Amino acid sequence: MYEIAASSGIAGLAIVYVIVLLFELAAGWRIFTKAGRAGWAIIIPIYNAYVLLKIVGRSGWWLVLFLVPLVNIVASLIVALDLAKSFGKGSGFGVGLFLLGFIFSPILGFGSATYLGPAVRRSF
């Protein structure tokens, strides 16, 4: 009897996981299309990171940073901050994208934010 309850609980979690995954996929698709890129690019691993880097105005070489342990955390934070700025949002929204992407990316994708282009970075 406990085996049936445990397996149905696991099946329920799997269904919730698939629903959240599809929702995140749809949000990413909308973000890409808002930025003038092909929405299907979100489906292809590695290429989606490359397209995201182009959306935020970073070089494709940043893909290498995603492969280096600990450096990838800092690079992901910077990309999240740049993505927020590219859509006219502040740094707080960028930190939200980094820490709670499953909440903030649908807000960005399905909300009223419009793509403004890569944020202008100043070099000192």
C-alpha atoms as a PDB file:
ATOM      1  CA  MET A   1       0.000   0.000   0.000  1.00  0.00           C
ATOM      2  CA  TYR A   2       2.831   2.405   0.795  1.00  0.00           C
ATOM      3  CA  GLU A   3       4.495   1.587  -2.510  1.00  0.00           C
ATOM      4  CA  ILE A   4       1.437   2.789  -4.427  1.00  0.00           C
ATOM      5  CA  ALA A   5       1.313   6.050  -2.470  1.00  0.00           C
ATOM      6  CA  ALA A   6       5.010   6.652  -2.952  1.00  0.00           C
ATOM      7  CA  SER A   7       4.917   5.985  -6.679  1.00  0.00           C
ATOM      8  CA  SER A   8       1.865   8.205  -7.165  1.00  0.00           C
ATOM      9  CA  GLY A   9       3.650  10.975  -5.249  1.00  0.00           C
ATOM     10  CA  ILE A  10       6.659  10.667  -7.508  1.00  0.00           C
ATOM     11  CA  ALA A  11       4.418  10.714 -10.577  1.00  0.00           C
ATOM     12  CA  GLY A  12       2.730  13.856  -9.262  1.00  0.00           C
ATOM     13  CA  LEU A  13       6.084  15.553  -8.755  1.00  0.00           C
ATOM     14  CA  ALA A  14       7.140  14.544 -12.258  1.00  0.00           C
ATOM     15  CA  ILE A  15       3.982  16.085 -13.702  1.00  0.00           C
ATOM     16  CA  VAL A  16       4.557  19.329 -11.787  1.00  0.00           C
ATOM     17  CA  TYR A  17       8.181  19.360 -12.963  1.00  0.00           C
ATOM     18  CA  VAL A  18       7.144  18.964 -16.614  1.00  0.00           C
ATOM     19  CA  ILE A  19       4.542  21.733 -16.278  1.00  0.00           C
ATOM     20  CA  VAL A  20       7.087  24.140 -14.745  1.00  0.00           C
ATOM     21  CA  LEU A  21       9.638  23.169 -17.401  1.00  0.00           C
ATOM     22  CA  LEU A  22       7.173  23.874 -20.234  1.00  0.00           C
ATOM     23  CA  PHE A  23       6.214  27.189 -18.636  1.00  0.00           C
ATOM     24  CA  GLU A  24       9.881  28.193 -18.414  1.00  0.00           C
ATOM     25  CA  LEU A  25      10.404  27.126 -22.018  1.00  0.00           C
ATOM     26  CA  ALA A  26       7.491  29.298 -23.120  1.00  0.00           C
ATOM     27  CA  ALA A  27       8.846  32.236 -21.106  1.00  0.00           C
ATOM     28  CA  GLY A  28      12.283  31.852 -22.685  1.00  0.00           C
ATOM     29  CA  TRP A  29      10.694  31.612 -26.127  1.00  0.00           C
ATOM     30  CA  ARG A  30       8.858  34.905 -25.496  1.00  0.00           C
ATOM     31  CA  ILE A  31      12.042  36.598 -24.241  1.00  0.00           C
ATOM     32  CA  PHE A  32      13.906  35.563 -27.380  1.00  0.00           C
ATOM     33  CA  THR A  33      11.106  36.704 -29.704  1.00  0.00           C
ATOM     34  CA  LYS A  34      10.806  40.031 -27.872  1.00  0.00           C
ATOM     35  CA  ALA A  35      14.517  40.513 -28.519  1.00  0.00           C
ATOM     36  CA  GLY A  36      14.039  39.822 -32.242  1.00  0.00           C
ATOM     37  CA  ARG A  37      15.605  36.360 -32.163  1.00  0.00           C
ATOM     38  CA  ALA A  38      14.139  33.019 -33.148  1.00  0.00           C
ATOM     39  CA  GLY A  39      12.133  31.606 -30.262  1.00  0.00           C
ATOM     40  CA  TRP A  40      13.019  28.016 -31.141  1.00  0.00           C
ATOM     41  CA  ALA A  41      16.635  28.788 -30.224  1.00  0.00           C
ATOM     42  CA  ILE A  42      15.727  28.376 -26.548  1.00  0.00           C
ATOM     43  CA  ILE A  43      15.302  24.632 -27.149  1.00  0.00           C
ATOM     44  CA  ILE A  44      18.836  23.942 -28.395  1.00  0.00           C
ATOM     45  CA  PRO A  45      21.445  23.532 -25.632  1.00  0.00           C
ATOM     46  CA  ILE A  46      24.566  25.712 -25.840  1.00  0.00           C
ATOM     47  CA  TYR A  47      23.112  27.607 -28.812  1.00  0.00           C
ATOM     48  CA  ASN A  48      20.507  29.125 -26.484  1.00  0.00           C
ATOM     49  CA  ALA A  49      23.296  30.457 -24.262  1.00  0.00           C
ATOM     50  CA  TYR A  50      25.029  31.895 -27.328  1.00  0.00           C
ATOM     51  CA  VAL A  51      21.835  33.645 -28.444  1.00  0.00           C
ATOM     52  CA  LEU A  52      21.288  34.948 -24.922  1.00  0.00           C
ATOM     53  CA  LEU A  53      24.803  36.393 -24.943  1.00  0.00           C
ATOM     54  CA  LYS A  54      24.038  38.137 -28.229  1.00  0.00           C
ATOM     55  CA  ILE A  55      20.782  39.524 -26.791  1.00  0.00           C
ATOM     56  CA  VAL A  56      22.624  41.093 -23.854  1.00  0.00           C
ATOM     57  CA  GLY A  57      25.459  42.351 -26.051  1.00  0.00           C
ATOM     58  CA  ARG A  58      28.218  40.036 -24.878  1.00  0.00           C
ATOM     59  CA  SER A  59      30.733  38.246 -27.059  1.00  0.00           C
ATOM     60  CA  GLY A  60      30.248  34.589 -27.952  1.00  0.00           C
ATOM     61  CA  TRP A  61      33.519  33.897 -26.161  1.00  0.00           C
ATOM     62  CA  TRP A  62      31.626  34.233 -22.897  1.00  0.00           C
ATOM     63  CA  LEU A  63      30.428  30.662 -23.512  1.00  0.00           C
ATOM     64  CA  VAL A  64      33.854  29.555 -22.323  1.00  0.00           C
ATOM     65  CA  LEU A  65      33.230  31.287 -18.987  1.00  0.00           C
ATOM     66  CA  PHE A  66      30.143  29.133 -18.473  1.00  0.00           C
ATOM     67  CA  LEU A  67      32.385  26.056 -18.536  1.00  0.00           C
ATOM     68  CA  VAL A  68      34.759  27.198 -15.771  1.00  0.00           C
ATOM     69  CA  PRO A  69      33.628  26.256 -12.254  1.00  0.00           C
ATOM     70  CA  LEU A  70      32.882  29.222  -9.955  1.00  0.00           C
ATOM     71  CA  VAL A  71      33.536  31.624 -12.818  1.00  0.00           C
ATOM     72  CA  ASN A  72      30.277  30.432 -14.388  1.00  0.00           C
ATOM     73  CA  ILE A  73      28.362  31.703 -11.347  1.00  0.00           C
ATOM     74  CA  VAL A  74      29.786  35.208 -11.738  1.00  0.00           C
ATOM     75  CA  ALA A  75      29.278  35.138 -15.519  1.00  0.00           C
ATOM     76  CA  SER A  76      25.658  34.029 -15.067  1.00  0.00           C
ATOM     77  CA  LEU A  77      25.028  36.874 -12.635  1.00  0.00           C
ATOM     78  CA  ILE A  78      26.500  39.399 -15.066  1.00  0.00           C
ATOM     79  CA  VAL A  79      24.410  38.028 -17.939  1.00  0.00           C
ATOM     80  CA  ALA A  80      21.258  38.150 -15.781  1.00  0.00           C
ATOM     81  CA  LEU A  81      21.992  41.777 -14.872  1.00  0.00           C
ATOM     82  CA  ASP A  82      22.618  42.610 -18.537  1.00  0.00           C
ATOM     83  CA  LEU A  83      19.402  40.867 -19.573  1.00  0.00           C
ATOM     84  CA  ALA A  84      17.403  42.900 -17.081  1.00  0.00           C
ATOM     85  CA  LYS A  85      19.001  46.127 -18.314  1.00  0.00           C
ATOM     86  CA  SER A  86      18.375  45.142 -21.942  1.00  0.00           C
ATOM     87  CA  PHE A  87      14.669  45.064 -21.129  1.00  0.00           C
ATOM     88  CA  GLY A  88      14.711  48.307 -19.147  1.00  0.00           C
ATOM     89  CA  LYS A  89      14.669  46.680 -15.724  1.00  0.00           C
ATOM     90  CA  GLY A  90      16.934  47.488 -12.801  1.00  0.00           C
ATOM     91  CA  SER A  91      19.686  45.584 -11.061  1.00  0.00           C
ATOM     92  CA  GLY A  92      17.267  44.204  -8.477  1.00  0.00           C
ATOM     93  CA  PHE A  93      15.297  42.524 -11.247  1.00  0.00           C
ATOM     94  CA  GLY A  94      18.570  41.133 -12.611  1.00  0.00           C
ATOM     95  CA  VAL A  95      19.420  39.616  -9.232  1.00  0.00           C
ATOM     96  CA  GLY A  96      15.906  38.160  -9.218  1.00  0.00           C
ATOM     97  CA  LEU A  97      16.546  36.630 -12.638  1.00  0.00           C
ATOM     98  CA  PHE A  98      19.725  35.085 -11.289  1.00  0.00           C
ATOM     99  CA  LEU A  99      18.333  33.741  -8.014  1.00  0.00           C
ATOM    100  CA  LEU A 100      14.686  33.072  -8.891  1.00  0.00           C
ATOM    101  CA  GLY A 101      14.694  32.720 -12.644  1.00  0.00           C
ATOM    102  CA  PHE A 102      11.616  30.500 -12.635  1.00  0.00           C
ATOM    103  CA  ILE A 103       9.638  33.479 -11.283  1.00  0.00           C
ATOM    104  CA  PHE A 104      11.339  36.441 -12.968  1.00  0.00           C
ATOM    105  CA  SER A 105      11.785  35.072 -16.500  1.00  0.00           C
ATOM    106  CA  PRO A 106       8.000  34.601 -16.988  1.00  0.00           C
ATOM    107  CA  ILE A 107       7.524  38.154 -15.696  1.00  0.00           C
ATOM    108  CA  LEU A 108      10.003  39.324 -18.326  1.00  0.00           C
ATOM    109  CA  GLY A 109       8.629  37.126 -21.107  1.00  0.00           C
ATOM    110  CA  PHE A 110       4.910  37.525 -20.550  1.00  0.00           C
ATOM    111  CA  GLY A 111       4.940  40.999 -19.023  1.00  0.00           C
ATOM    112  CA  SER A 112       4.919  44.383 -20.692  1.00  0.00           C
ATOM    113  CA  ALA A 113       8.717  44.781 -20.823  1.00  0.00           C
ATOM    114  CA  THR A 114      10.089  45.643 -24.250  1.00  0.00           C
ATOM    115  CA  TYR A 115      13.535  44.937 -25.563  1.00  0.00           C
ATOM    116  CA  LEU A 116      15.657  48.082 -25.638  1.00  0.00           C
ATOM    117  CA  GLY A 117      18.853  46.491 -26.870  1.00  0.00           C
ATOM    118  CA  PRO A 118      22.089  45.720 -25.073  1.00  0.00           C
ATOM    119  CA  ALA A 119      22.807  47.992 -22.169  1.00  0.00           C
ATOM    120  CA  VAL A 120      25.505  50.560 -22.780  1.00  0.00           C
ATOM    121  CA  ARG A 121      28.520  49.695 -20.679  1.00  0.00           C
ATOM    122  CA  ARG A 122      31.047  52.320 -19.722  1.00  0.00           C
ATOM    123  CA  SER A 123      34.688  51.455 -19.615  1.00  0.00           C
ATOM    124  CA  PHE A 124      36.896  53.462 -17.314  1.00  0.00           C
END
